[in-house]
Amino acid sequence: MAGGCGLMGDGIDPSTDLFVYGATLWDGTGAPPLRDAILQVRAGRILSVEPAPPDSDPAELLAAWIAQRGIAAANRFILAEDRFVIPGLVNAHGHVGGTWTPGQGVSYRDFVLGELRRYARFGVTTVNSLGGEREPAFAIRDESWVDLPGNDSPHARLLVSGPVQSPPNPERAALEVDRLAPRRPDWVKIRVDDNLGATTKMSPAIYGAIIDRARRHGLRVASHLFYLEDAKGLLRAGTGMIAHSIRDLPIDIELLTLLHESGICYVPTLTREVSTFAYGERPEFFDDPFLLNDVDSTQIVALSDPARQARMRTSGAAESYGRALDVALANLTSLSSSRIPIAMGTDSGPLGRFQGYFEHVEMQMMADAELTPAQVLRAATGVAAACLGRNDIGTLEEGKWADFVLLRADPLVDVANARRIEGVWLGGERVPGSRKGGT
């Protein structure tokens, strides 16, 4: 647990501008939860995390707070007894802006900001968008890491990749990476997949050239893939992330060895498969209040179209991806005890992959694959942040951004309790509309 600021006798540091008292706090590092915690925030960063002083009285602390800060600051004192605090969730593979079109009556920038606010209301405080972002998203990315995101309307922090790389040959690959590099993407995104035999797969010569050129620019490559053998080839070539599950065959010792040697993260994106077959009929989650209270209703309408549903029901691809999900789940179960870093990611953002909501579905599916609640939460907080190369988010420690979620039930007992959101804070600022009644 972070400390070192030195609590005053009444438990309040005079430089604190947000004070959360009495919650059980799980900091995302893997340490046991701290009961009756005091979380103090200054200028958007965590000042300290400490146990409450023995026999401290909340009313006296509040009175001292008001005396020090003035009555106007009283709403910055949060009495959180019988509540639980966890770090903000980190989605290691999402997407923003992909469903925007010029005729929607909203600018691309405002559309992306709206998506990031929805992510935040669901407790997802950082999104790694892996491909397709336009130039305004790069500006939003820059803004979200240097100041309080969104100021009076906080939104999730953003990482970006820009165009997905799909060059026809190795020579063109080098040129395309050179063209992208000055924009300083957080990742270079590639697809190594034949879409169940329907398209031509990127060759090892091409993806090797992309990975090599990206490395020269100090950039990492995130790899979309499907097949076990492609995963092995990409790991040998030096990819920086396995951005989807292996879905054709069980993982083997060779793959495990390559993952251990590389140290890179495996991002299951189980809900990506769900979206490929779930809409052949009306899915049960269309009745889930946790989704319906905060959803783009136009997507519900589009996915409920009978003709669209009929096409999905008769699609061989839907059936194949359903079988692929079973393989993905089995592989995740195998990996969960292997000490491979597993990061929560969803591929949310395209039509039918509901931002914010699918992250909670993903965590439940990870639990169904026999990960413990603590493993799932680590994958969605501290591990995911480390996988993204961020040392300022993902855990609640001194000096890190004060991105956290206040819950009404213990997520270490049941990861579904991460839906029981009392509120979300980004950089110490409460996200409007983030109180949710998930069960």
Protein backbone atom coordinates (compact mmCIF):
# COMPACT_ATOMS: atom_id res chain seq x y z
CA MET A 1 0.00 0.00 0.00
CA ALA A 2 1.14 3.51 -0.76
CA GLY A 3 1.94 5.82 2.06
CA GLY A 4 4.58 8.22 3.16
CA CYS A 5 2.63 11.48 3.32
CA GLY A 6 2.17 11.26 7.08
CA LEU A 7 -1.44 11.48 8.21
CA MET A 8 -2.29 14.20 10.67
CA GLY A 9 -3.64 13.22 14.04
CA ASP A 10 -7.19 13.54 12.75
CA GLY A 11 -6.39 11.43 9.67
CA ILE A 12 -6.41 14.25 7.11
CA ASP A 13 -3.46 15.66 5.22
CA PRO A 14 -3.91 19.41 4.67
CA SER A 15 -2.94 19.14 1.00
CA THR A 16 -5.70 16.63 0.25
CA ASP A 17 -8.46 17.73 -2.12
CA LEU A 18 -10.41 14.43 -2.14
CA PHE A 19 -10.81 12.21 0.88
CA VAL A 20 -12.44 8.74 0.79
CA TYR A 21 -12.96 7.22 4.20
CA GLY A 22 -13.81 3.74 5.46
CA ALA A 23 -14.00 1.55 2.35
CA THR A 24 -12.37 -1.82 1.85
CA LEU A 25 -9.75 -0.97 -0.77
CA TRP A 26 -8.18 -3.47 -3.19
CA ASP A 27 -5.27 -1.72 -4.87
CA GLY A 28 -4.73 -3.91 -7.97
CA THR A 29 -1.20 -4.98 -7.07
CA GLY A 30 -2.21 -8.42 -5.85
CA ALA A 31 -1.90 -7.41 -2.20
CA PRO A 32 -4.74 -8.31 0.18
CA PRO A 33 -7.52 -5.75 0.47
CA LEU A 34 -7.14 -3.01 3.06
CA ARG A 35 -10.15 -2.62 5.31
CA ASP A 36 -11.24 0.75 6.70
CA ALA A 37 -8.98 2.52 4.26
CA ILE A 38 -8.34 6.21 3.82
CA LEU A 39 -7.67 7.26 0.23
CA GLN A 40 -6.40 10.81 -0.25
CA VAL A 41 -6.06 12.58 -3.59
CA ARG A 42 -4.28 15.77 -4.56
CA ALA A 43 -4.35 17.37 -8.03
CA GLY A 44 -5.81 14.24 -9.59
CA ARG A 45 -3.13 11.91 -8.21
CA ILE A 46 -3.16 9.55 -5.26
CA LEU A 47 -1.53 11.22 -2.29
CA SER A 48 -1.78 8.23 0.04
CA VAL A 49 -3.60 5.02 0.86
CA GLU A 50 -3.57 4.29 4.60
CA PRO A 51 -5.60 2.41 7.19
CA ALA A 52 -7.95 4.63 9.14
CA PRO A 53 -6.57 5.72 12.53
CA PRO A 54 -7.71 3.46 15.38
CA ASP A 55 -11.11 4.40 16.77
CA SER A 56 -11.44 7.26 14.30
CA ASP A 57 -14.87 8.80 14.07
CA PRO A 58 -16.20 9.76 10.61
CA ALA A 59 -18.20 12.71 11.96
CA GLU A 60 -15.10 14.16 13.64
CA LEU A 61 -13.04 13.63 10.51
CA LEU A 62 -15.68 15.36 8.41
CA ALA A 63 -15.77 18.27 10.83
CA ALA A 64 -11.98 18.55 10.64
CA TRP A 65 -12.16 18.35 6.86
CA ILE A 66 -14.68 21.20 6.69
CA ALA A 67 -12.62 23.25 9.13
CA GLN A 68 -9.51 22.82 7.01
CA ARG A 69 -11.01 23.10 3.54
CA GLY A 70 -14.17 25.14 4.04
CA ILE A 71 -17.80 24.13 3.81
CA ALA A 72 -17.72 24.27 -0.01
CA ALA A 73 -15.35 21.30 0.00
CA ALA A 74 -17.59 19.09 2.12
CA ASN A 75 -18.76 17.12 -0.91
CA ARG A 76 -15.13 16.09 -1.50
CA PHE A 77 -15.27 14.03 1.68
CA ILE A 78 -16.72 10.62 0.76
CA LEU A 79 -17.90 8.41 3.58
CA ALA A 80 -17.56 4.94 2.07
CA GLU A 81 -18.13 2.54 4.94
CA ASP A 82 -19.50 -0.83 3.77
CA ARG A 83 -18.25 0.01 0.27
CA PHE A 84 -15.41 -1.35 -1.84
CA VAL A 85 -12.84 0.56 -3.89
CA ILE A 86 -10.96 -0.93 -6.85
CA PRO A 87 -8.80 0.69 -9.54
CA GLY A 88 -10.54 1.84 -12.70
CA LEU A 89 -10.80 -0.96 -15.24
CA VAL A 90 -8.34 -1.01 -18.15
CA ASN A 91 -9.46 -2.41 -21.51
CA ALA A 92 -6.35 -3.63 -23.31
CA HIS A 93 -8.20 -4.07 -26.62
CA GLY A 94 -11.13 -1.84 -27.52
CA HIS A 95 -12.04 0.53 -30.35
CA VAL A 96 -13.39 4.07 -30.59
CA GLY A 97 -14.96 5.97 -33.45
CA GLY A 98 -15.60 2.93 -35.63
CA THR A 99 -19.35 3.41 -35.96
CA TRP A 100 -19.18 7.16 -36.65
CA THR A 101 -20.40 8.43 -40.02
CA PRO A 102 -20.42 12.04 -41.29
CA GLY A 103 -24.22 12.14 -41.48
CA GLN A 104 -24.83 11.51 -37.78
CA GLY A 105 -24.99 15.18 -36.89
CA VAL A 106 -22.05 15.01 -34.47
CA SER A 107 -18.38 15.59 -35.11
CA TYR A 108 -15.99 12.66 -34.99
CA ARG A 109 -14.26 14.18 -31.95
CA ASP A 110 -17.49 14.59 -30.00
CA PHE A 111 -18.58 11.09 -30.99
CA VAL A 112 -15.37 9.58 -29.61
CA LEU A 113 -15.64 11.65 -26.43
CA GLY A 114 -19.18 10.35 -25.99
CA GLU A 115 -17.96 6.77 -26.30
CA LEU A 116 -15.18 7.39 -23.79
CA ARG A 117 -17.68 8.86 -21.33
CA ARG A 118 -19.83 5.75 -21.68
CA TYR A 119 -16.82 3.54 -21.03
CA ALA A 120 -16.08 5.59 -17.91
CA ARG A 121 -19.65 5.35 -16.60
CA PHE A 122 -19.21 1.56 -16.63
CA GLY A 123 -15.97 1.84 -14.64
CA VAL A 124 -13.62 1.46 -17.63
CA THR A 125 -11.21 4.34 -17.11
CA THR A 126 -8.62 3.52 -19.80
CA VAL A 127 -9.18 2.15 -23.31
CA ASN A 128 -6.46 0.92 -25.66
CA SER A 129 -8.05 1.47 -29.08
CA LEU A 130 -6.42 -0.94 -31.49
CA GLY A 131 -6.96 0.38 -34.96
CA GLY A 132 -8.98 2.70 -37.15
CA GLU A 133 -8.78 5.93 -35.11
CA ARG A 134 -8.77 9.21 -37.02
CA GLU A 135 -6.59 12.21 -36.27
CA PRO A 136 -8.88 13.82 -33.63
CA ALA A 137 -8.52 10.66 -31.53
CA PHE A 138 -4.77 11.25 -31.36
CA ALA A 139 -5.44 14.70 -29.90
CA ILE A 140 -7.86 13.22 -27.37
CA ARG A 141 -5.19 10.66 -26.48
CA ASP A 142 -2.67 13.41 -25.80
CA GLU A 143 -5.11 15.43 -23.71
CA SER A 144 -6.18 12.49 -21.57
CA TRP A 145 -2.68 11.87 -20.21
CA VAL A 146 -1.61 15.41 -19.35
CA ASP A 147 -4.64 16.78 -17.52
CA LEU A 148 -7.83 15.68 -15.85
CA PRO A 149 -9.73 13.96 -18.69
CA GLY A 150 -12.66 16.02 -19.82
CA ASN A 151 -12.38 18.40 -16.85
CA ASP A 152 -16.02 18.89 -15.78
CA SER A 153 -17.09 15.84 -17.83
CA PRO A 154 -14.44 13.17 -17.28
CA HIS A 155 -13.95 10.47 -19.88
CA ALA A 156 -11.83 7.35 -20.13
CA ARG A 157 -8.18 7.81 -20.96
CA LEU A 158 -7.22 6.74 -24.47
CA LEU A 159 -4.42 4.95 -26.28
CA VAL A 160 -4.46 4.72 -30.09
CA SER A 161 -3.00 2.83 -33.03
CA GLY A 162 -4.22 4.64 -36.13
CA PRO A 163 -4.77 2.74 -39.39
CA VAL A 164 -4.53 -1.06 -39.25
CA GLN A 165 -1.47 -1.98 -41.32
CA SER A 166 -2.21 -4.12 -44.39
CA PRO A 167 0.64 -3.60 -46.91
CA PRO A 168 0.92 -5.85 -49.99
CA ASN A 169 4.63 -6.58 -49.60
CA PRO A 170 7.56 -6.12 -47.17
CA GLU A 171 8.86 -3.03 -48.95
CA ARG A 172 5.54 -1.27 -48.68
CA ALA A 173 5.32 -2.39 -45.05
CA ALA A 174 8.40 -0.38 -44.14
CA LEU A 175 7.05 2.70 -45.90
CA GLU A 176 3.67 2.51 -44.18
CA VAL A 177 5.23 2.18 -40.73
CA ASP A 178 7.54 5.12 -41.54
CA ARG A 179 4.48 7.15 -42.49
CA LEU A 180 2.64 6.25 -39.27
CA ALA A 181 5.55 6.66 -36.86
CA PRO A 182 5.62 10.51 -36.68
CA ARG A 183 2.10 10.41 -35.23
CA ARG A 184 3.52 8.41 -32.30
CA PRO A 185 0.84 5.74 -32.03
CA ASP A 186 0.84 3.73 -28.83
CA TRP A 187 0.68 0.56 -30.92
CA VAL A 188 1.00 -0.55 -34.52
CA LYS A 189 -1.92 -2.86 -35.30
CA ILE A 190 -1.80 -5.76 -37.76
CA ARG A 191 -4.20 -8.54 -38.74
CA VAL A 192 -2.87 -12.03 -39.41
CA ASP A 193 -6.06 -13.89 -40.21
CA ASP A 194 -7.84 -15.36 -43.22
CA ASN A 195 -11.35 -14.86 -41.79
CA LEU A 196 -12.09 -18.60 -41.80
CA GLY A 197 -10.59 -19.01 -45.25
CA ALA A 198 -12.48 -16.13 -46.86
CA THR A 199 -9.49 -13.79 -47.35
CA THR A 200 -5.75 -13.92 -47.89
CA LYS A 201 -3.69 -13.97 -44.71
CA MET A 202 -0.75 -11.60 -44.17
CA SER A 203 2.49 -13.49 -44.81
CA PRO A 204 5.32 -13.90 -42.28
CA ALA A 205 7.58 -11.84 -44.57
CA ILE A 206 5.19 -8.89 -44.41
CA TYR A 207 4.41 -9.00 -40.70
CA GLY A 208 8.07 -9.55 -39.96
CA ALA A 209 8.91 -6.38 -41.90
CA ILE A 210 6.26 -4.42 -39.99
CA ILE A 211 7.50 -5.65 -36.62
CA ASP A 212 11.12 -4.92 -37.51
CA ARG A 213 10.36 -1.42 -38.79
CA ALA A 214 8.16 -0.63 -35.81
CA ARG A 215 10.95 -1.70 -33.46
CA ARG A 216 13.32 0.74 -35.18
CA HIS A 217 10.85 3.52 -34.38
CA GLY A 218 10.48 2.37 -30.78
CA LEU A 219 6.93 1.15 -31.42
CA ARG A 220 5.26 -2.11 -30.44
CA VAL A 221 3.00 -4.24 -32.64
CA ALA A 222 -0.36 -5.64 -31.48
CA SER A 223 -1.37 -8.69 -33.51
CA HIS A 224 -4.86 -9.79 -34.40
CA LEU A 225 -4.72 -13.55 -34.97
CA PHE A 226 -6.78 -16.73 -34.88
CA TYR A 227 -4.47 -19.71 -35.43
CA LEU A 228 -1.95 -21.36 -33.12
CA GLU A 229 0.80 -21.54 -35.74
CA ASP A 230 0.42 -17.84 -36.54
CA ALA A 231 0.76 -17.02 -32.85
CA LYS A 232 4.05 -18.90 -32.76
CA GLY A 233 5.31 -17.12 -35.88
CA LEU A 234 4.36 -13.72 -34.54
CA LEU A 235 6.03 -14.40 -31.20
CA ARG A 236 9.23 -15.46 -32.93
CA ALA A 237 9.09 -12.28 -35.04
CA GLY A 238 8.74 -10.09 -31.94
CA THR A 239 5.12 -9.00 -31.71
CA GLY A 240 4.33 -6.94 -28.63
CA MET A 241 0.85 -8.30 -27.91
CA ILE A 242 -1.32 -11.31 -28.69
CA ALA A 243 -4.50 -9.30 -29.10
CA HIS A 244 -7.00 -12.19 -29.40
CA SER A 245 -7.39 -15.74 -28.21
CA ILE A 246 -5.93 -18.67 -30.10
CA ARG A 247 -9.11 -20.27 -31.37
CA ASP A 248 -8.30 -23.19 -33.68
CA LEU A 249 -6.31 -25.61 -31.50
CA PRO A 250 -5.32 -26.14 -27.89
CA ILE A 251 -2.19 -24.29 -26.83
CA ASP A 252 0.92 -26.44 -26.54
CA ILE A 253 4.28 -26.42 -24.77
CA GLU A 254 5.98 -24.62 -27.64
CA LEU A 255 3.50 -21.77 -27.47
CA LEU A 256 3.81 -21.54 -23.69
CA THR A 257 7.58 -21.43 -23.98
CA LEU A 258 7.43 -18.62 -26.52
CA LEU A 259 5.04 -16.64 -24.33
CA HIS A 260 7.25 -17.09 -21.28
CA GLU A 261 10.36 -16.05 -23.19
CA SER A 262 8.73 -12.96 -24.68
CA GLY A 263 6.92 -11.83 -21.54
CA ILE A 264 4.18 -10.28 -23.66
CA CYS A 265 0.49 -10.28 -22.83
CA TYR A 266 -2.31 -12.50 -24.02
CA VAL A 267 -5.64 -10.70 -24.47
CA PRO A 268 -8.56 -13.18 -24.78
CA THR A 269 -11.36 -10.90 -26.19
CA LEU A 270 -13.94 -13.63 -25.55
CA THR A 271 -16.83 -11.26 -26.15
CA ARG A 272 -15.57 -10.68 -29.71
CA GLU A 273 -16.68 -14.24 -30.49
CA VAL A 274 -20.00 -13.72 -28.73
CA SER A 275 -20.76 -10.83 -31.08
CA THR A 276 -20.26 -13.07 -34.14
CA PHE A 277 -23.15 -15.40 -33.33
CA ALA A 278 -25.29 -13.90 -30.53
CA TYR A 279 -27.53 -11.85 -32.79
CA GLY A 280 -29.09 -14.69 -34.75
CA GLU A 281 -31.93 -14.11 -32.31
CA ARG A 282 -32.67 -11.65 -29.57
CA PRO A 283 -29.98 -12.22 -26.91
CA GLU A 284 -30.98 -12.40 -23.27
CA PHE A 285 -28.71 -9.50 -22.38
CA PHE A 286 -30.97 -7.15 -24.35
CA ASP A 287 -33.16 -7.33 -21.22
CA ASP A 288 -30.31 -6.54 -18.83
CA PRO A 289 -30.98 -3.19 -17.10
CA PHE A 290 -27.23 -2.75 -16.63
CA LEU A 291 -26.97 -2.47 -20.43
CA LEU A 292 -30.29 -0.80 -21.19
CA ASN A 293 -29.77 2.08 -18.76
CA ASP A 294 -26.75 3.25 -20.76
CA VAL A 295 -26.80 2.03 -24.35
CA ASP A 296 -26.81 3.37 -27.90
CA SER A 297 -30.38 2.32 -28.67
CA THR A 298 -29.82 2.54 -32.42
CA GLN A 299 -27.58 -0.51 -32.12
CA ILE A 300 -30.33 -2.48 -30.39
CA VAL A 301 -32.69 -1.58 -33.23
CA ALA A 302 -30.19 -2.55 -35.93
CA LEU A 303 -29.36 -5.88 -34.29
CA SER A 304 -33.05 -6.69 -33.80
CA ASP A 305 -33.79 -6.50 -37.53
CA PRO A 306 -35.34 -9.89 -38.50
CA ALA A 307 -33.54 -10.02 -41.84
CA ARG A 308 -30.19 -9.42 -40.17
CA GLN A 309 -30.92 -12.07 -37.56
CA ALA A 310 -31.87 -14.58 -40.27
CA ARG A 311 -28.61 -13.95 -42.12
CA MET A 312 -26.63 -14.60 -38.95
CA ARG A 313 -28.57 -17.77 -38.13
CA THR A 314 -27.77 -19.26 -41.51
CA SER A 315 -24.18 -18.09 -41.54
CA GLY A 316 -21.58 -20.81 -41.44
CA ALA A 317 -19.19 -18.28 -39.97
CA ALA A 318 -21.41 -17.80 -36.92
CA GLU A 319 -21.38 -21.51 -36.22
CA SER A 320 -17.62 -21.69 -36.70
CA TYR A 321 -16.97 -18.76 -34.37
CA GLY A 322 -19.22 -20.40 -31.78
CA ARG A 323 -16.94 -23.45 -31.83
CA ALA A 324 -13.93 -21.14 -31.74
CA LEU A 325 -15.21 -19.62 -28.50
CA ASP A 326 -15.14 -23.03 -26.85
CA VAL A 327 -11.48 -23.41 -27.86
CA ALA A 328 -10.70 -19.90 -26.63
CA LEU A 329 -12.25 -20.61 -23.24
CA ALA A 330 -10.35 -23.87 -22.86
CA ASN A 331 -7.09 -22.15 -23.81
CA LEU A 332 -7.69 -19.39 -21.28
CA THR A 333 -8.29 -22.00 -18.58
CA SER A 334 -4.98 -23.62 -19.49
CA LEU A 335 -3.15 -20.29 -19.46
CA SER A 336 -4.60 -19.10 -16.16
CA SER A 337 -2.21 -21.23 -14.11
CA SER A 338 0.85 -20.70 -16.34
CA ARG A 339 1.97 -17.29 -15.03
CA ILE A 340 1.49 -15.78 -18.51
CA PRO A 341 0.30 -12.16 -18.17
CA ILE A 342 -3.37 -12.13 -19.19
CA ALA A 343 -4.96 -8.74 -19.83
CA MET A 344 -8.67 -8.06 -20.08
CA GLY A 345 -9.75 -6.89 -23.53
CA THR A 346 -12.97 -7.11 -25.48
CA ASP A 347 -12.63 -5.71 -29.01
CA SER A 348 -15.64 -3.57 -28.06
CA GLY A 349 -16.62 -0.65 -30.26
CA PRO A 350 -17.92 -2.13 -33.53
CA LEU A 351 -21.66 -2.67 -33.93
CA GLY A 352 -22.95 -5.11 -31.33
CA ARG A 353 -19.86 -4.94 -29.12
CA PHE A 354 -21.24 -2.68 -26.44
CA GLN A 355 -18.64 -0.37 -24.91
CA GLY A 356 -18.50 -0.53 -21.14
CA TYR A 357 -21.02 -3.33 -20.86
CA PHE A 358 -19.00 -5.93 -22.76
CA GLU A 359 -16.06 -5.39 -20.40
CA HIS A 360 -18.21 -6.70 -17.56
CA VAL A 361 -19.43 -9.60 -19.71
CA GLU A 362 -15.79 -10.37 -20.56
CA MET A 363 -14.82 -10.48 -16.90
CA GLN A 364 -17.66 -12.87 -16.15
CA MET A 365 -16.60 -15.09 -19.02
CA MET A 366 -13.05 -15.08 -17.69
CA ALA A 367 -14.44 -16.23 -14.36
CA ASP A 368 -16.39 -18.95 -16.20
CA ALA A 369 -13.01 -20.07 -17.61
CA GLU A 370 -11.99 -20.79 -14.00
CA LEU A 371 -10.01 -17.64 -13.25
CA THR A 372 -10.55 -16.50 -9.67
CA PRO A 373 -12.16 -13.09 -9.08
CA ALA A 374 -8.75 -11.76 -8.02
CA GLN A 375 -7.15 -13.06 -11.25
CA VAL A 376 -9.89 -11.47 -13.35
CA LEU A 377 -9.62 -8.15 -11.55
CA ARG A 378 -5.83 -8.14 -11.83
CA ALA A 379 -6.19 -8.81 -15.57
CA ALA A 380 -8.50 -5.80 -15.79
CA THR A 381 -6.36 -3.43 -13.71
CA GLY A 382 -2.70 -3.80 -12.76
CA VAL A 383 -1.76 -6.46 -15.32
CA ALA A 384 -3.53 -4.68 -18.18
CA ALA A 385 -1.81 -1.40 -17.31
CA ALA A 386 1.60 -3.10 -17.25
CA CYS A 387 0.87 -4.75 -20.58
CA LEU A 388 0.18 -1.33 -22.06
CA GLY A 389 3.41 0.06 -20.65
CA ARG A 390 1.63 2.47 -18.30
CA ASN A 391 3.01 2.94 -14.80
CA ASP A 392 0.56 5.69 -13.84
CA ILE A 393 -2.73 3.74 -13.88
CA GLY A 394 -4.05 0.29 -12.99
CA THR A 395 -3.20 0.29 -9.28
CA LEU A 396 -4.06 2.57 -6.39
CA GLU A 397 -0.62 3.65 -5.24
CA GLU A 398 0.97 6.94 -4.34
CA GLY A 399 1.60 9.17 -7.34
CA LYS A 400 -0.67 7.34 -9.76
CA TRP A 401 -3.78 8.82 -11.32
CA ALA A 402 -6.75 8.65 -8.95
CA ASP A 403 -8.88 6.52 -11.28
CA PHE A 404 -11.09 4.29 -9.15
CA VAL A 405 -14.50 2.68 -8.82
CA LEU A 406 -16.62 2.64 -5.67
CA LEU A 407 -18.74 -0.52 -5.41
CA ARG A 408 -21.64 -1.61 -3.20
CA ALA A 409 -20.50 -5.25 -3.03
CA ASP A 410 -17.23 -7.16 -2.87
CA PRO A 411 -15.86 -8.09 -6.33
CA LEU A 412 -13.31 -10.45 -4.77
CA VAL A 413 -16.22 -12.66 -3.71
CA ASP A 414 -17.95 -12.52 -7.10
CA VAL A 415 -16.61 -10.56 -10.08
CA ALA A 416 -20.22 -9.76 -11.03
CA ASN A 417 -20.17 -7.36 -8.09
CA ALA A 418 -18.03 -5.05 -10.23
CA ARG A 419 -21.39 -4.07 -11.75
CA ARG A 420 -22.59 -2.71 -8.41
CA ILE A 421 -21.21 0.72 -9.16
CA GLU A 422 -21.74 3.49 -6.62
CA GLY A 423 -19.57 5.88 -8.62
CA VAL A 424 -16.48 6.23 -10.80
CA TRP A 425 -13.70 8.79 -10.35
CA LEU A 426 -11.16 9.80 -13.00
CA GLY A 427 -8.25 11.90 -11.83
CA GLY A 428 -10.16 12.43 -8.62
CA GLU A 429 -13.21 13.82 -10.46
CA ARG A 430 -16.51 11.98 -10.30
CA VAL A 431 -17.85 10.73 -13.63
CA PRO A 432 -21.42 12.04 -14.09
CA GLY A 433 -24.05 9.32 -14.35
CA SER A 434 -21.72 6.59 -13.11
CA ARG A 435 -23.98 5.29 -10.34
CA LYS A 436 -25.40 2.03 -11.64
CA GLY A 437 -27.58 -0.70 -10.20
CA GLY A 438 -26.01 -3.78 -11.74
CA THR A 439 -26.57 -7.11 -10.03
